[in-house]
Amino acid sequence: MKKIRKAILPVAGFGTRMLPASKAIPKEMITLVDKPLIQYAVEEAVNSGIETIIFVTSRHKKSIEDHFDRFVDLEQALNRTGKEEELNKIMYLANCCEFISVRQKEQNGLGDAVYCAKSIVGDEPFAVILPDDVILSKEPVIGQLVEQYNEVGGSVIALQEVAYENTSKYGIVSIEEEVKDRLYKLNDMIEKPEKNPPSNFAIIGRYILTTSVMENIGNIECGALGEIQLTDAIRAEATKGFVYGYKFKGERFDCGNVRGYIEATLNFALERDDLRDYVVELIKNKFI
């Protein structure tokens, strides 16, 4: 099996759930504690062995590319003033992996966004990371999925159990069998079922996908919302028995909406040794 070397990060959307913050600033550049959301996704990929990040972007998202580029004037200023720690942080951003950007010329669904990177991915399996889903975990989730892929050889998608009343908000899978603890063989999936969901296992924004899925995207018609849905392309492989779902280890936060973003900010701050006591004391003084 070929190594998972490339990750696609679709970042072309308007981020309407985070307006007005996302009007002039890409939602992926909104800061979570002290890093933009997109940096968490990139670091997860790099810590999982990814060598190339492919941003599927749009004309109003240039600041994402700038964030991972060199900023020589700032580097020189930090060097002159002896701010070595800050200098190392920004140098890391530019050198942690290879970055490639392609544009999605019009918003036509997640499947279409992934397909924009087809020529760069080539004949290799690849990862997909949705930066809205920020996950707090000891082991990066893409790394967890890569481990499962190396065992089964088929596409592996991240799963999370949700309340049945919330299944209409997610892509929901149908499970054929449990292969081992946390790993399931899938036989079907449906995007945002309005009734009778096949399970309460939801697809979360982390995927390891084979080249067959990429080929399927080019052959499917518009699905839910009149868009090219990635779920439909994966479903075509699931019906053949080539797709697995893994109930990842970690806590997921939907930072594409205000409540999820606030919850993530609190939890990520509490995980920081330099901030935990401050945050706890702040909460005590405010509410107790």
Protein backbone atom coordinates (compact mmCIF):
# COMPACT_ATOMS: atom_id res chain seq x y z
CA MET A 1 0.00 0.00 0.00
CA LYS A 2 1.13 3.51 -0.74
CA LYS A 3 1.92 5.82 2.15
CA ILE A 4 -0.54 8.59 3.02
CA ARG A 5 1.54 11.66 2.12
CA LYS A 6 -1.01 14.29 1.10
CA ALA A 7 -3.94 15.95 2.85
CA ILE A 8 -6.68 18.06 1.27
CA LEU A 9 -8.05 20.92 3.38
CA PRO A 10 -11.18 22.45 1.81
CA VAL A 11 -11.28 26.11 2.88
CA ALA A 12 -13.23 27.86 0.11
CA GLY A 13 -16.53 28.35 1.96
CA PHE A 14 -18.03 31.63 3.14
CA GLY A 15 -18.34 30.55 6.79
CA THR A 16 -21.83 32.03 7.12
CA ARG A 17 -22.42 30.41 10.52
CA MET A 18 -19.69 32.65 11.96
CA LEU A 19 -20.85 35.97 10.51
CA PRO A 20 -20.08 38.80 11.03
CA ALA A 21 -16.64 37.58 12.19
CA SER A 22 -16.09 35.76 8.90
CA LYS A 23 -17.09 38.65 6.61
CA ALA A 24 -13.59 40.00 5.99
CA ILE A 25 -11.54 37.32 7.80
CA PRO A 26 -11.71 33.69 6.65
CA LYS A 27 -13.43 31.61 9.33
CA GLU A 28 -10.38 29.33 9.27
CA MET A 29 -8.27 32.29 10.44
CA ILE A 30 -10.40 32.99 13.50
CA THR A 31 -8.21 32.47 16.56
CA LEU A 32 -8.74 29.58 18.97
CA VAL A 33 -6.77 30.56 22.10
CA ASP A 34 -3.61 31.75 20.31
CA LYS A 35 -3.65 29.98 16.93
CA PRO A 36 -6.01 30.23 13.98
CA LEU A 37 -8.31 27.26 13.42
CA ILE A 38 -6.52 26.28 10.23
CA GLN A 39 -3.24 25.82 12.11
CA TYR A 40 -4.73 23.11 14.30
CA ALA A 41 -5.69 21.17 11.17
CA VAL A 42 -2.25 21.59 9.62
CA GLU A 43 -0.46 20.54 12.80
CA GLU A 44 -2.68 17.47 13.09
CA ALA A 45 -1.76 16.50 9.54
CA VAL A 46 1.97 17.08 10.04
CA ASN A 47 1.96 15.14 13.32
CA SER A 48 0.32 12.27 11.41
CA GLY A 49 3.14 12.06 8.86
CA ILE A 50 1.56 14.17 6.12
CA GLU A 51 4.17 15.78 3.85
CA THR A 52 2.00 17.93 1.54
CA ILE A 53 -0.99 20.11 2.45
CA ILE A 54 -3.36 21.04 -0.37
CA PHE A 55 -5.56 24.06 0.38
CA VAL A 56 -8.68 24.14 -1.78
CA THR A 57 -9.31 27.83 -1.50
CA SER A 58 -11.05 30.81 -3.11
CA ARG A 59 -10.28 34.42 -3.95
CA HIS A 60 -11.09 35.77 -0.47
CA LYS A 61 -8.88 33.32 1.45
CA LYS A 62 -5.37 34.61 0.65
CA SER A 63 -4.58 35.22 4.31
CA ILE A 64 -4.54 31.44 4.85
CA GLU A 65 -1.71 31.09 2.36
CA ASP A 66 0.07 34.08 3.90
CA HIS A 67 -0.09 32.53 7.37
CA PHE A 68 2.03 29.59 6.22
CA ASP A 69 4.46 31.67 4.15
CA ARG A 70 7.71 33.39 5.15
CA PHE A 71 7.45 36.91 6.65
CA VAL A 72 11.04 38.08 6.41
CA ASP A 73 10.54 41.54 7.94
CA LEU A 74 8.89 40.05 11.01
CA GLU A 75 11.55 37.35 11.28
CA GLN A 76 14.31 39.97 11.23
CA ALA A 77 12.53 42.10 13.83
CA LEU A 78 12.09 39.15 16.17
CA ASN A 79 15.71 38.15 15.69
CA ARG A 80 16.96 41.69 16.47
CA THR A 81 14.92 41.90 19.66
CA GLY A 82 15.95 38.45 20.90
CA LYS A 83 12.46 36.94 20.71
CA GLU A 84 13.74 33.50 19.85
CA GLU A 85 10.64 31.56 20.95
CA GLU A 86 8.32 33.68 18.80
CA LEU A 87 10.74 33.46 15.88
CA ASN A 88 10.84 29.66 16.09
CA LYS A 89 7.05 29.52 16.07
CA ILE A 90 6.62 31.47 12.87
CA MET A 91 9.56 29.74 11.16
CA TYR A 92 7.93 26.41 11.95
CA LEU A 93 4.77 27.46 10.10
CA ALA A 94 6.64 28.04 6.86
CA ASN A 95 8.77 24.91 7.04
CA CYS A 96 6.61 22.18 8.60
CA CYS A 97 5.55 20.74 5.21
CA GLU A 98 4.93 21.57 1.56
CA PHE A 99 1.91 23.80 0.87
CA ILE A 100 -0.01 23.87 -2.40
CA SER A 101 -3.11 25.95 -3.12
CA VAL A 102 -5.77 25.35 -5.75
CA ARG A 103 -8.95 27.34 -6.24
CA GLN A 104 -12.50 26.10 -6.23
CA LYS A 105 -13.97 28.49 -8.77
CA GLU A 106 -17.53 28.15 -7.48
CA GLN A 107 -18.91 26.53 -4.36
CA ASN A 108 -20.48 23.27 -5.46
CA GLY A 109 -20.17 20.99 -2.46
CA LEU A 110 -17.48 19.17 -0.52
CA GLY A 111 -17.06 16.52 -3.19
CA ASP A 112 -16.35 19.17 -5.80
CA ALA A 113 -13.83 20.86 -3.48
CA VAL A 114 -11.93 17.59 -2.99
CA TYR A 115 -12.01 16.93 -6.73
CA CYS A 116 -10.22 20.24 -7.35
CA ALA A 117 -7.08 18.57 -5.93
CA LYS A 118 -7.30 15.49 -8.16
CA SER A 119 -4.31 16.30 -10.35
CA ILE A 120 -2.12 16.96 -7.31
CA VAL A 121 -3.15 13.83 -5.45
CA GLY A 122 -2.59 11.67 -8.53
CA ASP A 123 -2.80 7.94 -7.96
CA GLU A 124 -2.16 8.08 -4.20
CA PRO A 125 -4.54 7.57 -1.29
CA PHE A 126 -5.03 10.82 0.59
CA ALA A 127 -6.41 12.44 3.72
CA VAL A 128 -9.18 15.03 3.95
CA ILE A 129 -9.44 17.33 6.97
CA LEU A 130 -12.31 19.75 7.56
CA PRO A 131 -10.86 22.57 9.68
CA ASP A 132 -14.24 23.41 11.25
CA ASP A 133 -13.97 20.17 13.22
CA VAL A 134 -11.26 20.76 15.81
CA ILE A 135 -10.45 17.69 17.87
CA LEU A 136 -8.74 17.56 21.24
CA SER A 137 -6.86 14.25 21.43
CA LYS A 138 -3.60 12.77 22.64
CA GLU A 139 -3.03 11.11 19.26
CA PRO A 140 -3.93 13.09 16.11
CA VAL A 141 -7.10 11.72 14.57
CA ILE A 142 -5.71 11.53 11.04
CA GLY A 143 -2.88 9.47 12.53
CA GLN A 144 -5.45 7.16 14.11
CA LEU A 145 -7.14 6.70 10.73
CA VAL A 146 -3.82 6.07 8.98
CA GLU A 147 -3.14 3.22 11.42
CA GLN A 148 -6.47 1.63 10.53
CA TYR A 149 -5.91 2.16 6.80
CA ASN A 150 -2.57 0.39 7.04
CA GLU A 151 -4.40 -2.64 8.44
CA VAL A 152 -7.47 -2.83 6.20
CA GLY A 153 -6.31 -1.18 2.97
CA GLY A 154 -9.62 0.56 2.28
CA SER A 155 -10.97 4.03 2.90
CA VAL A 156 -11.42 4.89 6.59
CA ILE A 157 -13.64 7.68 7.87
CA ALA A 158 -13.92 9.13 11.37
CA LEU A 159 -17.13 8.34 13.25
CA GLN A 160 -18.80 9.80 16.32
CA GLU A 161 -21.99 8.67 18.03
CA VAL A 162 -24.64 11.40 18.15
CA ALA A 163 -28.14 11.62 19.58
CA TYR A 164 -30.72 10.21 17.18
CA GLU A 165 -32.58 13.52 17.16
CA ASN A 166 -29.43 15.14 15.73
CA THR A 167 -28.76 12.64 12.92
CA SER A 168 -30.37 14.95 10.34
CA LYS A 169 -27.39 17.29 10.79
CA TYR A 170 -24.76 14.76 9.67
CA GLY A 171 -23.81 12.13 7.17
CA ILE A 172 -24.90 8.88 8.85
CA VAL A 173 -23.44 5.42 8.18
CA SER A 174 -24.93 1.96 8.02
CA ILE A 175 -22.73 -0.61 9.76
CA GLU A 176 -22.28 -4.08 8.29
CA GLU A 177 -20.11 -5.50 11.05
CA GLU A 178 -17.70 -4.58 13.83
CA VAL A 179 -14.24 -5.63 12.70
CA LYS A 180 -12.61 -4.91 16.05
CA ASP A 181 -12.92 -2.42 18.88
CA ARG A 182 -13.88 0.97 17.38
CA LEU A 183 -13.48 -0.21 13.76
CA TYR A 184 -16.54 -1.00 11.64
CA LYS A 185 -17.09 -2.20 8.11
CA LEU A 186 -19.67 -0.01 6.42
CA ASN A 187 -22.17 -0.91 3.71
CA ASP A 188 -24.03 2.36 3.18
CA MET A 189 -24.33 5.98 4.25
CA ILE A 190 -26.73 8.82 3.74
CA GLU A 191 -26.23 12.57 3.89
CA LYS A 192 -28.42 14.27 6.53
CA PRO A 193 -31.32 11.78 6.68
CA GLU A 194 -34.63 13.46 7.48
CA LYS A 195 -36.06 10.25 9.00
CA ASN A 196 -35.16 6.61 9.73
CA PRO A 197 -31.37 7.00 10.01
CA PRO A 198 -29.48 3.70 9.57
CA SER A 199 -27.57 4.31 12.83
CA ASN A 200 -26.51 7.12 15.14
CA PHE A 201 -22.89 7.02 13.94
CA ALA A 202 -22.09 10.32 12.23
CA ILE A 203 -19.29 11.07 9.80
CA ILE A 204 -16.89 13.64 11.25
CA GLY A 205 -14.50 15.76 9.17
CA ARG A 206 -11.56 13.36 8.96
CA TYR A 207 -11.07 10.89 6.10
CA ILE A 208 -8.48 8.59 4.57
CA LEU A 209 -9.67 7.92 1.03
CA THR A 210 -8.51 5.75 -1.85
CA THR A 211 -8.13 6.88 -5.44
CA SER A 212 -11.39 5.05 -6.26
CA VAL A 213 -13.29 7.63 -4.21
CA MET A 214 -11.67 10.45 -6.16
CA GLU A 215 -12.67 8.77 -9.42
CA ASN A 216 -16.23 8.36 -8.13
CA ILE A 217 -16.53 12.10 -7.50
CA GLY A 218 -15.99 12.72 -11.20
CA ASN A 219 -18.85 10.38 -12.06
CA ILE A 220 -21.58 11.24 -9.56
CA GLU A 221 -24.45 13.67 -10.03
CA CYS A 222 -25.46 16.44 -7.68
CA GLY A 223 -26.94 15.15 -4.43
CA ALA A 224 -28.18 16.86 -1.28
CA LEU A 225 -28.54 20.65 -1.60
CA GLY A 226 -27.93 20.34 -5.34
CA GLU A 227 -24.18 19.91 -4.72
CA ILE A 228 -21.53 17.27 -5.39
CA GLN A 229 -21.44 15.39 -2.08
CA LEU A 230 -18.31 13.59 -0.91
CA THR A 231 -20.58 11.21 1.02
CA ASP A 232 -22.10 9.96 -2.25
CA ALA A 233 -18.66 9.18 -3.69
CA ILE A 234 -17.64 7.27 -0.55
CA ARG A 235 -21.00 5.47 -0.50
CA ALA A 236 -20.29 3.97 -3.93
CA GLU A 237 -17.22 2.27 -2.43
CA ALA A 238 -19.05 1.28 0.77
CA THR A 239 -21.61 -0.73 -1.20
CA LYS A 240 -18.67 -2.75 -2.57
CA GLY A 241 -17.32 -3.41 0.95
CA PHE A 242 -14.26 -1.16 0.68
CA VAL A 243 -15.03 1.47 3.34
CA TYR A 244 -14.50 1.37 7.10
CA GLY A 245 -15.48 3.67 9.91
CA TYR A 246 -13.39 4.29 13.01
CA LYS A 247 -14.77 5.70 16.24
CA PHE A 248 -11.87 8.02 16.92
CA LYS A 249 -10.36 8.77 20.32
CA GLY A 250 -10.77 12.42 21.22
CA GLU A 251 -13.27 15.19 21.79
CA ARG A 252 -14.61 17.01 18.76
CA PHE A 253 -15.76 20.62 18.66
CA ASP A 254 -17.65 22.20 15.77
CA CYS A 255 -15.90 25.55 15.50
CA GLY A 256 -18.02 26.52 12.52
CA ASN A 257 -20.65 27.84 14.92
CA VAL A 258 -20.44 30.19 17.89
CA ARG A 259 -21.37 27.71 20.64
CA GLY A 260 -18.92 25.08 19.45
CA TYR A 261 -16.21 27.71 19.14
CA ILE A 262 -16.77 28.94 22.73
CA GLU A 263 -16.74 25.37 24.04
CA ALA A 264 -13.53 24.64 22.17
CA THR A 265 -11.86 27.80 23.47
CA LEU A 266 -12.59 26.84 27.06
CA ASN A 267 -11.45 23.22 26.67
CA PHE A 268 -8.27 24.01 24.75
CA ALA A 269 -7.32 26.71 27.27
CA LEU A 270 -7.84 24.27 30.15
CA GLU A 271 -5.47 21.82 28.43
CA ARG A 272 -2.64 24.38 28.50
CA ASP A 273 -0.32 24.20 31.50
CA ASP A 274 0.32 27.95 31.23
CA LEU A 275 -3.39 28.84 31.12
CA ARG A 276 -5.27 26.22 33.15
CA ASP A 277 -4.98 27.84 36.58
CA TYR A 278 -5.79 31.26 35.16
CA VAL A 279 -8.94 30.01 33.43
CA VAL A 280 -10.13 28.08 36.49
CA GLU A 281 -9.61 31.12 38.69
CA LEU A 282 -11.36 33.33 36.17
CA ILE A 283 -14.41 31.07 36.16
CA LYS A 284 -14.47 30.87 39.94
CA ASN A 285 -14.34 34.62 40.34
CA LYS A 286 -17.04 35.16 37.75
CA PHE A 287 -19.59 32.50 38.60
CA ILE A 288 -18.95 31.10 42.07
